[in-house]
Amino acid sequence: MVTHRANQDKIIEDAIERSRPITIFLKSGVSLKGKVLSHDSYTIFLEADEKQTLVYKHFITSIYPARMNRPL
């Protein structure tokens, strides 16, 4: 049986390998969008607008691939 943590790690690893930005929603309602630089069992290290942020996984409600701007 695959655990919730293993699924989360697969999504994060895929974002790192493909250099794709993700959007992270926090329990406070704040959303963060950026590229994942690294992660471990407890944290995700995210870079957005040349700023780096350390996010604790226990404070995350959901993770999604960031939306790409489509040409009109």
N, C-alpha and C. Protein backbone atom coordinates (compact mmCIF):
# COMPACT_ATOMS: atom_id res chain seq x y z
N MET A 1 0.84 -1.19 0.00
CA MET A 1 0.00 0.00 0.00
C MET A 1 0.88 1.25 0.00
N VAL A 2 0.58 2.17 -0.89
CA VAL A 2 1.34 3.41 -0.99
C VAL A 2 0.77 4.40 0.03
N THR A 3 1.64 5.01 0.80
CA THR A 3 1.19 5.94 1.83
C THR A 3 0.99 7.34 1.26
N HIS A 4 0.29 8.16 2.01
CA HIS A 4 0.06 9.55 1.63
C HIS A 4 1.39 10.26 1.44
N ARG A 5 2.34 10.00 2.33
CA ARG A 5 3.66 10.64 2.27
C ARG A 5 4.39 10.25 0.98
N ALA A 6 4.28 8.98 0.57
CA ALA A 6 4.95 8.52 -0.65
C ALA A 6 4.36 9.21 -1.88
N ASN A 7 3.05 9.40 -1.92
CA ASN A 7 2.42 10.12 -3.04
C ASN A 7 2.89 11.57 -3.10
N GLN A 8 2.95 12.19 -1.95
CA GLN A 8 3.41 13.57 -1.86
C GLN A 8 4.85 13.68 -2.37
N ASP A 9 5.69 12.76 -1.95
CA ASP A 9 7.09 12.77 -2.37
C ASP A 9 7.23 12.56 -3.87
N LYS A 10 6.38 11.73 -4.48
CA LYS A 10 6.42 11.52 -5.93
C LYS A 10 6.10 12.82 -6.67
N ILE A 11 5.11 13.54 -6.21
CA ILE A 11 4.73 14.80 -6.84
C ILE A 11 5.87 15.81 -6.73
N ILE A 12 6.47 15.89 -5.56
CA ILE A 12 7.57 16.84 -5.34
C ILE A 12 8.79 16.45 -6.17
N GLU A 13 9.14 15.17 -6.19
CA GLU A 13 10.29 14.71 -6.97
C GLU A 13 10.08 14.98 -8.46
N ASP A 14 8.87 14.78 -8.96
CA ASP A 14 8.56 15.05 -10.36
C ASP A 14 8.74 16.54 -10.67
N ALA A 15 8.31 17.40 -9.77
CA ALA A 15 8.47 18.84 -9.95
C ALA A 15 9.94 19.23 -9.99
N ILE A 16 10.76 18.59 -9.16
CA ILE A 16 12.20 18.87 -9.14
C ILE A 16 12.84 18.39 -10.44
N GLU A 17 12.56 17.16 -10.83
CA GLU A 17 13.17 16.58 -12.03
C GLU A 17 12.82 17.35 -13.30
N ARG A 18 11.60 17.81 -13.40
CA ARG A 18 11.15 18.51 -14.61
C ARG A 18 11.27 20.02 -14.50
N SER A 19 11.78 20.50 -13.36
CA SER A 19 11.91 21.95 -13.11
C SER A 19 10.58 22.68 -13.32
N ARG A 20 9.51 22.03 -12.89
CA ARG A 20 8.18 22.63 -13.01
C ARG A 20 7.80 23.32 -11.71
N PRO A 21 7.23 24.51 -11.82
CA PRO A 21 6.76 25.18 -10.61
C PRO A 21 5.51 24.49 -10.05
N ILE A 22 5.32 24.63 -8.76
CA ILE A 22 4.13 24.09 -8.10
C ILE A 22 3.47 25.20 -7.30
N THR A 23 2.21 24.99 -6.96
CA THR A 23 1.50 25.89 -6.06
C THR A 23 1.20 25.11 -4.79
N ILE A 24 1.58 25.68 -3.67
CA ILE A 24 1.36 25.06 -2.36
C ILE A 24 0.33 25.90 -1.61
N PHE A 25 -0.71 25.27 -1.11
CA PHE A 25 -1.71 25.95 -0.30
C PHE A 25 -1.47 25.59 1.16
N LEU A 26 -1.41 26.61 2.01
CA LEU A 26 -1.15 26.42 3.43
C LEU A 26 -2.43 26.45 4.24
N LYS A 27 -2.37 25.94 5.45
CA LYS A 27 -3.54 25.92 6.34
C LYS A 27 -4.07 27.32 6.63
N SER A 28 -3.20 28.31 6.55
CA SER A 28 -3.61 29.70 6.81
C SER A 28 -4.38 30.31 5.65
N GLY A 29 -4.44 29.60 4.50
CA GLY A 29 -5.13 30.11 3.33
C GLY A 29 -4.18 30.75 2.32
N VAL A 30 -2.94 30.92 2.69
CA VAL A 30 -1.94 31.51 1.81
C VAL A 30 -1.52 30.49 0.75
N SER A 31 -1.28 30.95 -0.47
CA SER A 31 -0.75 30.07 -1.51
C SER A 31 0.64 30.57 -1.91
N LEU A 32 1.53 29.62 -2.14
CA LEU A 32 2.89 29.92 -2.57
C LEU A 32 3.13 29.23 -3.89
N LYS A 33 3.71 29.96 -4.85
CA LYS A 33 4.01 29.36 -6.15
C LYS A 33 5.50 29.52 -6.41
N GLY A 34 6.15 28.42 -6.82
CA GLY A 34 7.57 28.48 -7.13
C GLY A 34 8.13 27.12 -7.47
N LYS A 35 9.45 27.08 -7.66
CA LYS A 35 10.14 25.84 -7.99
C LYS A 35 10.69 25.22 -6.72
N VAL A 36 10.57 23.91 -6.62
CA VAL A 36 11.10 23.18 -5.47
C VAL A 36 12.60 22.99 -5.67
N LEU A 37 13.38 23.46 -4.72
CA LEU A 37 14.83 23.28 -4.78
C LEU A 37 15.23 21.95 -4.14
N SER A 38 14.57 21.61 -3.03
CA SER A 38 14.82 20.35 -2.34
C SER A 38 13.71 20.10 -1.33
N HIS A 39 13.74 18.90 -0.74
CA HIS A 39 12.76 18.57 0.29
C HIS A 39 13.30 17.43 1.13
N ASP A 40 12.72 17.27 2.30
CA ASP A 40 13.02 16.12 3.16
C ASP A 40 11.71 15.67 3.79
N SER A 41 11.78 14.88 4.83
CA SER A 41 10.57 14.34 5.45
C SER A 41 9.67 15.41 6.07
N TYR A 42 10.25 16.56 6.41
CA TYR A 42 9.48 17.56 7.15
C TYR A 42 9.31 18.90 6.43
N THR A 43 10.14 19.19 5.43
CA THR A 43 10.12 20.51 4.81
C THR A 43 10.23 20.45 3.29
N ILE A 44 9.84 21.57 2.67
CA ILE A 44 10.04 21.80 1.24
C ILE A 44 10.75 23.14 1.12
N PHE A 45 11.83 23.17 0.34
CA PHE A 45 12.58 24.40 0.10
C PHE A 45 12.17 24.91 -1.27
N LEU A 46 11.49 26.07 -1.29
CA LEU A 46 10.85 26.61 -2.49
C LEU A 46 11.51 27.92 -2.88
N GLU A 47 11.65 28.16 -4.20
CA GLU A 47 12.18 29.43 -4.69
C GLU A 47 11.16 30.10 -5.59
N ALA A 48 10.86 31.36 -5.31
CA ALA A 48 9.92 32.14 -6.11
C ALA A 48 10.39 33.58 -6.14
N ASP A 49 10.42 34.18 -7.31
CA ASP A 49 10.83 35.58 -7.46
C ASP A 49 12.17 35.86 -6.79
N GLU A 50 13.12 34.95 -7.00
CA GLU A 50 14.47 35.05 -6.46
C GLU A 50 14.52 35.07 -4.92
N LYS A 51 13.43 34.64 -4.29
CA LYS A 51 13.39 34.52 -2.83
C LYS A 51 13.21 33.05 -2.49
N GLN A 52 13.86 32.61 -1.44
CA GLN A 52 13.77 31.21 -1.03
C GLN A 52 12.97 31.11 0.26
N THR A 53 12.11 30.09 0.32
CA THR A 53 11.22 29.90 1.46
C THR A 53 11.27 28.45 1.91
N LEU A 54 11.36 28.24 3.20
CA LEU A 54 11.30 26.91 3.78
C LEU A 54 9.89 26.71 4.32
N VAL A 55 9.20 25.68 3.81
CA VAL A 55 7.82 25.42 4.19
C VAL A 55 7.76 24.08 4.93
N TYR A 56 7.15 24.07 6.10
CA TYR A 56 6.98 22.82 6.85
C TYR A 56 5.78 22.06 6.28
N LYS A 57 5.99 20.79 5.97
CA LYS A 57 4.96 19.98 5.33
C LYS A 57 3.69 19.85 6.16
N HIS A 58 3.81 19.87 7.49
CA HIS A 58 2.62 19.71 8.32
C HIS A 58 1.67 20.91 8.20
N PHE A 59 2.14 22.01 7.61
CA PHE A 59 1.33 23.21 7.44
C PHE A 59 0.72 23.30 6.05
N ILE A 60 0.97 22.30 5.20
CA ILE A 60 0.47 22.28 3.82
C ILE A 60 -0.86 21.55 3.75
N THR A 61 -1.83 22.14 3.04
CA THR A 61 -3.10 21.46 2.83
C THR A 61 -3.14 20.75 1.49
N SER A 62 -2.52 21.36 0.45
CA SER A 62 -2.51 20.72 -0.86
C SER A 62 -1.38 21.27 -1.72
N ILE A 63 -1.01 20.46 -2.73
CA ILE A 63 0.04 20.82 -3.68
C ILE A 63 -0.49 20.55 -5.09
N TYR A 64 -0.33 21.53 -5.98
CA TYR A 64 -0.77 21.40 -7.36
C TYR A 64 0.33 21.89 -8.29
N PRO A 65 0.37 21.36 -9.51
CA PRO A 65 1.27 21.96 -10.51
C PRO A 65 0.83 23.40 -10.75
N ALA A 66 1.78 24.32 -10.87
CA ALA A 66 1.43 25.71 -11.11
C ALA A 66 0.84 25.86 -12.49
N ARG A 67 -0.10 26.76 -12.64
CA ARG A 67 -0.74 26.97 -13.93
C ARG A 67 0.21 27.71 -14.86
N MET A 68 0.26 27.27 -16.06
CA MET A 68 1.09 27.90 -17.07
C MET A 68 0.25 28.96 -17.77
N ASN A 69 0.86 30.09 -18.09
CA ASN A 69 0.16 31.12 -18.87
C ASN A 69 0.07 30.65 -20.31
N ARG A 70 -1.13 30.64 -20.84
CA ARG A 70 -1.35 30.21 -22.22
C ARG A 70 -1.40 31.42 -23.14
N PRO A 71 -0.78 31.32 -24.32
CA PRO A 71 -0.89 32.45 -25.26
C PRO A 71 -2.32 32.61 -25.76
N LEU A 72 -2.75 33.83 -26.00
CA LEU A 72 -4.11 34.08 -26.48
C LEU A 72 -4.25 33.85 -27.95
